Amino acid sequence: MSLNVVGGVCGVLIVCDVVLGYLDGRLNQSVGATRNQFGQAQQVQNTAQNLIVRIAQAGQTDPVLRDLLARHDFKVNLNTNSPAKPSP
C-alpha cells in the first residue's frame, strides 16, 4: 500500500515537472520576444536622434527645417564638441 502512495506521489511530481518545464519554455520565449522589442526600440531611438541632429545641422541654413524642429519642441545644441543629443 505504501509503495502505491509513493508511486502516486512520484507520478504527480513527474507531471508537475513536465508542466513546469513547458511553462518555463513559454516564459523564455516571451522574455526573448520582449528583449527583441527593446532592442528594436533602442535602434529606432538612435536612428531618430541621428535624424534630428542631421535636420538641425541642415536647419542652420534652411529656416523651414529649423521651424520644423521648433514646432515639435526639439532642441539640439550643435555648438559643442561632444555628439549632440536632442531633447524631446
N, C-alpha and C. Protein backbone atom coordinates (compact mmCIF):
# COMPACT_ATOMS: atom_id res chain seq x y z
N MET A 1 0.82 -1.19 0.00
CA MET A 1 0.00 0.00 0.00
C MET A 1 0.86 1.25 0.00
N SER A 2 1.90 1.31 0.87
CA SER A 2 2.73 2.50 0.95
C SER A 2 3.53 2.70 -0.34
N LEU A 3 3.89 1.59 -1.03
CA LEU A 3 4.58 1.73 -2.31
C LEU A 3 3.66 2.36 -3.35
N ASN A 4 2.36 2.06 -3.29
CA ASN A 4 1.41 2.68 -4.22
C ASN A 4 1.30 4.18 -3.98
N VAL A 5 1.31 4.59 -2.71
CA VAL A 5 1.24 6.01 -2.38
C VAL A 5 2.51 6.71 -2.86
N VAL A 6 3.66 6.12 -2.60
CA VAL A 6 4.93 6.70 -3.02
C VAL A 6 4.98 6.78 -4.55
N GLY A 7 4.52 5.75 -5.22
CA GLY A 7 4.48 5.74 -6.69
C GLY A 7 3.55 6.82 -7.21
N GLY A 8 2.40 7.00 -6.56
CA GLY A 8 1.46 8.05 -6.96
C GLY A 8 2.05 9.43 -6.78
N VAL A 9 2.73 9.63 -5.65
CA VAL A 9 3.37 10.93 -5.39
C VAL A 9 4.46 11.18 -6.44
N CYS A 10 5.23 10.17 -6.76
CA CYS A 10 6.26 10.33 -7.80
C CYS A 10 5.63 10.65 -9.14
N GLY A 11 4.53 10.01 -9.45
CA GLY A 11 3.83 10.30 -10.70
C GLY A 11 3.35 11.73 -10.76
N VAL A 12 2.80 12.22 -9.65
CA VAL A 12 2.34 13.61 -9.60
C VAL A 12 3.52 14.55 -9.75
N LEU A 13 4.64 14.24 -9.10
CA LEU A 13 5.83 15.08 -9.22
C LEU A 13 6.37 15.11 -10.64
N ILE A 14 6.31 13.98 -11.34
CA ILE A 14 6.77 13.93 -12.73
C ILE A 14 5.87 14.79 -13.61
N VAL A 15 4.56 14.70 -13.40
CA VAL A 15 3.62 15.51 -14.17
C VAL A 15 3.87 17.00 -13.90
N CYS A 16 4.08 17.34 -12.63
CA CYS A 16 4.37 18.74 -12.28
C CYS A 16 5.65 19.21 -12.95
N ASP A 17 6.66 18.37 -12.99
CA ASP A 17 7.93 18.72 -13.62
C ASP A 17 7.74 18.98 -15.11
N VAL A 18 6.97 18.15 -15.77
CA VAL A 18 6.71 18.32 -17.20
C VAL A 18 5.95 19.61 -17.46
N VAL A 19 4.93 19.87 -16.65
CA VAL A 19 4.14 21.10 -16.82
C VAL A 19 5.01 22.33 -16.56
N LEU A 20 5.80 22.31 -15.51
CA LEU A 20 6.66 23.45 -15.20
C LEU A 20 7.73 23.65 -16.29
N GLY A 21 8.25 22.57 -16.85
CA GLY A 21 9.20 22.69 -17.95
C GLY A 21 8.57 23.34 -19.17
N TYR A 22 7.34 22.96 -19.47
CA TYR A 22 6.61 23.56 -20.60
C TYR A 22 6.38 25.06 -20.34
N LEU A 23 5.93 25.40 -19.14
CA LEU A 23 5.68 26.80 -18.81
C LEU A 23 6.98 27.61 -18.83
N ASP A 24 8.07 27.02 -18.40
CA ASP A 24 9.36 27.69 -18.43
C ASP A 24 9.78 28.00 -19.86
N GLY A 25 9.56 27.08 -20.76
CA GLY A 25 9.87 27.30 -22.17
C GLY A 25 9.06 28.44 -22.75
N ARG A 26 7.78 28.48 -22.44
CA ARG A 26 6.95 29.57 -22.94
C ARG A 26 7.38 30.91 -22.36
N LEU A 27 7.73 30.92 -21.08
CA LEU A 27 8.20 32.15 -20.45
C LEU A 27 9.50 32.63 -21.08
N ASN A 28 10.40 31.71 -21.38
CA ASN A 28 11.66 32.09 -22.03
C ASN A 28 11.41 32.67 -23.42
N GLN A 29 10.45 32.13 -24.15
CA GLN A 29 10.11 32.69 -25.46
C GLN A 29 9.57 34.11 -25.31
N SER A 30 8.73 34.31 -24.32
CA SER A 30 8.16 35.64 -24.08
C SER A 30 9.24 36.64 -23.70
N VAL A 31 10.16 36.23 -22.86
CA VAL A 31 11.27 37.11 -22.45
C VAL A 31 12.13 37.44 -23.66
N GLY A 32 12.40 36.48 -24.51
CA GLY A 32 13.19 36.72 -25.71
C GLY A 32 12.51 37.69 -26.65
N ALA A 33 11.20 37.55 -26.82
CA ALA A 33 10.46 38.47 -27.68
C ALA A 33 10.48 39.88 -27.12
N THR A 34 10.32 40.01 -25.81
CA THR A 34 10.36 41.33 -25.18
C THR A 34 11.75 41.95 -25.33
N ARG A 35 12.78 41.15 -25.16
CA ARG A 35 14.16 41.64 -25.32
C ARG A 35 14.38 42.14 -26.75
N ASN A 36 13.86 41.41 -27.73
CA ASN A 36 13.98 41.84 -29.13
C ASN A 36 13.26 43.16 -29.36
N GLN A 37 12.08 43.32 -28.76
CA GLN A 37 11.34 44.57 -28.92
C GLN A 37 12.10 45.74 -28.32
N PHE A 38 12.73 45.54 -27.16
CA PHE A 38 13.53 46.61 -26.56
C PHE A 38 14.73 46.94 -27.45
N GLY A 39 15.35 45.93 -28.03
CA GLY A 39 16.47 46.17 -28.93
C GLY A 39 16.06 46.97 -30.15
N GLN A 40 14.91 46.62 -30.72
CA GLN A 40 14.41 47.36 -31.87
C GLN A 40 14.05 48.79 -31.49
N ALA A 41 13.47 48.97 -30.33
CA ALA A 41 13.12 50.31 -29.87
C ALA A 41 14.38 51.16 -29.68
N GLN A 42 15.44 50.57 -29.16
CA GLN A 42 16.70 51.29 -28.99
C GLN A 42 17.27 51.70 -30.34
N GLN A 43 17.19 50.81 -31.33
CA GLN A 43 17.68 51.15 -32.67
C GLN A 43 16.87 52.28 -33.28
N VAL A 44 15.56 52.24 -33.10
CA VAL A 44 14.70 53.31 -33.62
C VAL A 44 15.02 54.63 -32.94
N GLN A 45 15.24 54.59 -31.63
CA GLN A 45 15.56 55.81 -30.89
C GLN A 45 16.88 56.40 -31.38
N ASN A 46 17.89 55.55 -31.55
CA ASN A 46 19.18 56.04 -32.04
C ASN A 46 19.05 56.64 -33.44
N THR A 47 18.29 55.97 -34.29
CA THR A 47 18.09 56.48 -35.65
C THR A 47 17.37 57.82 -35.62
N ALA A 48 16.35 57.92 -34.78
CA ALA A 48 15.60 59.18 -34.68
C ALA A 48 16.49 60.30 -34.14
N GLN A 49 17.32 60.01 -33.16
CA GLN A 49 18.22 61.03 -32.63
C GLN A 49 19.20 61.50 -33.71
N ASN A 50 19.75 60.56 -34.45
CA ASN A 50 20.68 60.93 -35.53
C ASN A 50 19.97 61.76 -36.60
N LEU A 51 18.74 61.40 -36.92
CA LEU A 51 17.98 62.14 -37.91
C LEU A 51 17.70 63.56 -37.44
N ILE A 52 17.35 63.72 -36.18
CA ILE A 52 17.07 65.06 -35.63
C ILE A 52 18.33 65.92 -35.67
N VAL A 53 19.47 65.32 -35.34
CA VAL A 53 20.72 66.08 -35.38
C VAL A 53 21.01 66.51 -36.82
N ARG A 54 20.80 65.60 -37.77
CA ARG A 54 21.04 65.94 -39.18
C ARG A 54 20.09 67.04 -39.65
N ILE A 55 18.84 66.97 -39.22
CA ILE A 55 17.88 68.02 -39.58
C ILE A 55 18.31 69.35 -38.95
N ALA A 56 18.79 69.29 -37.71
CA ALA A 56 19.24 70.52 -37.05
C ALA A 56 20.45 71.11 -37.76
N GLN A 57 21.35 70.26 -38.22
CA GLN A 57 22.51 70.75 -38.97
C GLN A 57 22.06 71.42 -40.26
N ALA A 58 21.15 70.78 -40.96
CA ALA A 58 20.63 71.37 -42.20
C ALA A 58 19.80 72.61 -41.89
N GLY A 59 19.17 72.65 -40.73
CA GLY A 59 18.35 73.78 -40.33
C GLY A 59 19.14 75.04 -40.07
N GLN A 60 20.46 74.93 -39.96
CA GLN A 60 21.29 76.12 -39.79
C GLN A 60 21.23 77.01 -41.02
N THR A 61 20.97 76.41 -42.16
CA THR A 61 20.87 77.19 -43.40
C THR A 61 19.46 77.18 -43.98
N ASP A 62 18.59 76.32 -43.48
CA ASP A 62 17.23 76.22 -44.01
C ASP A 62 16.23 76.53 -42.91
N PRO A 63 15.56 77.68 -42.96
CA PRO A 63 14.63 78.05 -41.89
C PRO A 63 13.42 77.13 -41.78
N VAL A 64 13.05 76.47 -42.87
CA VAL A 64 11.90 75.56 -42.82
C VAL A 64 12.22 74.38 -41.91
N LEU A 65 13.42 73.83 -42.02
CA LEU A 65 13.81 72.71 -41.16
C LEU A 65 13.95 73.17 -39.71
N ARG A 66 14.50 74.36 -39.52
CA ARG A 66 14.63 74.91 -38.17
C ARG A 66 13.26 75.08 -37.53
N ASP A 67 12.29 75.58 -38.30
CA ASP A 67 10.92 75.74 -37.79
C ASP A 67 10.27 74.39 -37.51
N LEU A 68 10.59 73.39 -38.33
CA LEU A 68 10.04 72.05 -38.10
C LEU A 68 10.47 71.51 -36.74
N LEU A 69 11.74 71.65 -36.41
CA LEU A 69 12.23 71.19 -35.10
C LEU A 69 11.59 72.00 -33.97
N ALA A 70 11.48 73.30 -34.16
CA ALA A 70 10.90 74.15 -33.12
C ALA A 70 9.43 73.82 -32.91
N ARG A 71 8.72 73.53 -33.98
CA ARG A 71 7.30 73.21 -33.87
C ARG A 71 7.07 71.94 -33.06
N HIS A 72 8.01 71.01 -33.11
CA HIS A 72 7.87 69.74 -32.37
C HIS A 72 8.69 69.75 -31.08
N ASP A 73 9.15 70.92 -30.66
CA ASP A 73 9.86 71.11 -29.40
C ASP A 73 11.16 70.31 -29.29
N PHE A 74 11.88 70.17 -30.39
CA PHE A 74 13.20 69.54 -30.34
C PHE A 74 14.24 70.63 -30.23
N LYS A 75 15.15 70.45 -29.28
CA LYS A 75 16.24 71.40 -29.09
C LYS A 75 17.55 70.64 -29.20
N VAL A 76 18.41 71.09 -30.12
CA VAL A 76 19.68 70.43 -30.35
C VAL A 76 20.77 71.47 -30.21
N ASN A 77 21.80 71.16 -29.43
CA ASN A 77 22.93 72.06 -29.25
C ASN A 77 24.04 71.59 -30.18
N LEU A 78 24.28 72.34 -31.23
CA LEU A 78 25.31 71.96 -32.20
C LEU A 78 26.64 72.67 -31.96
N ASN A 79 26.75 73.43 -30.88
CA ASN A 79 27.95 74.22 -30.64
C ASN A 79 28.97 73.52 -29.76
N THR A 80 28.78 72.27 -29.42
CA THR A 80 29.73 71.56 -28.56
C THR A 80 30.53 70.57 -29.39
N ASN A 81 31.64 70.10 -28.82
CA ASN A 81 32.46 69.10 -29.49
C ASN A 81 31.95 67.69 -29.28
N SER A 82 31.11 67.51 -28.26
CA SER A 82 30.55 66.19 -27.99
C SER A 82 29.37 65.96 -28.93
N PRO A 83 29.02 64.70 -29.19
CA PRO A 83 27.88 64.43 -30.07
C PRO A 83 26.61 65.03 -29.48
N ALA A 84 25.86 65.70 -30.31
CA ALA A 84 24.64 66.35 -29.86
C ALA A 84 23.53 65.33 -29.72
N LYS A 85 22.75 65.48 -28.68
CA LYS A 85 21.59 64.62 -28.47
C LYS A 85 20.37 65.50 -28.34
N PRO A 86 19.34 65.20 -29.10
CA PRO A 86 18.13 66.04 -28.99
C PRO A 86 17.41 65.78 -27.69
N SER A 87 16.75 66.80 -27.21
CA SER A 87 15.95 66.63 -26.01
C SER A 87 14.49 66.76 -26.42
N PRO A 88 13.72 65.70 -26.19
CA PRO A 88 12.30 65.72 -26.64
C PRO A 88 11.48 66.74 -25.89
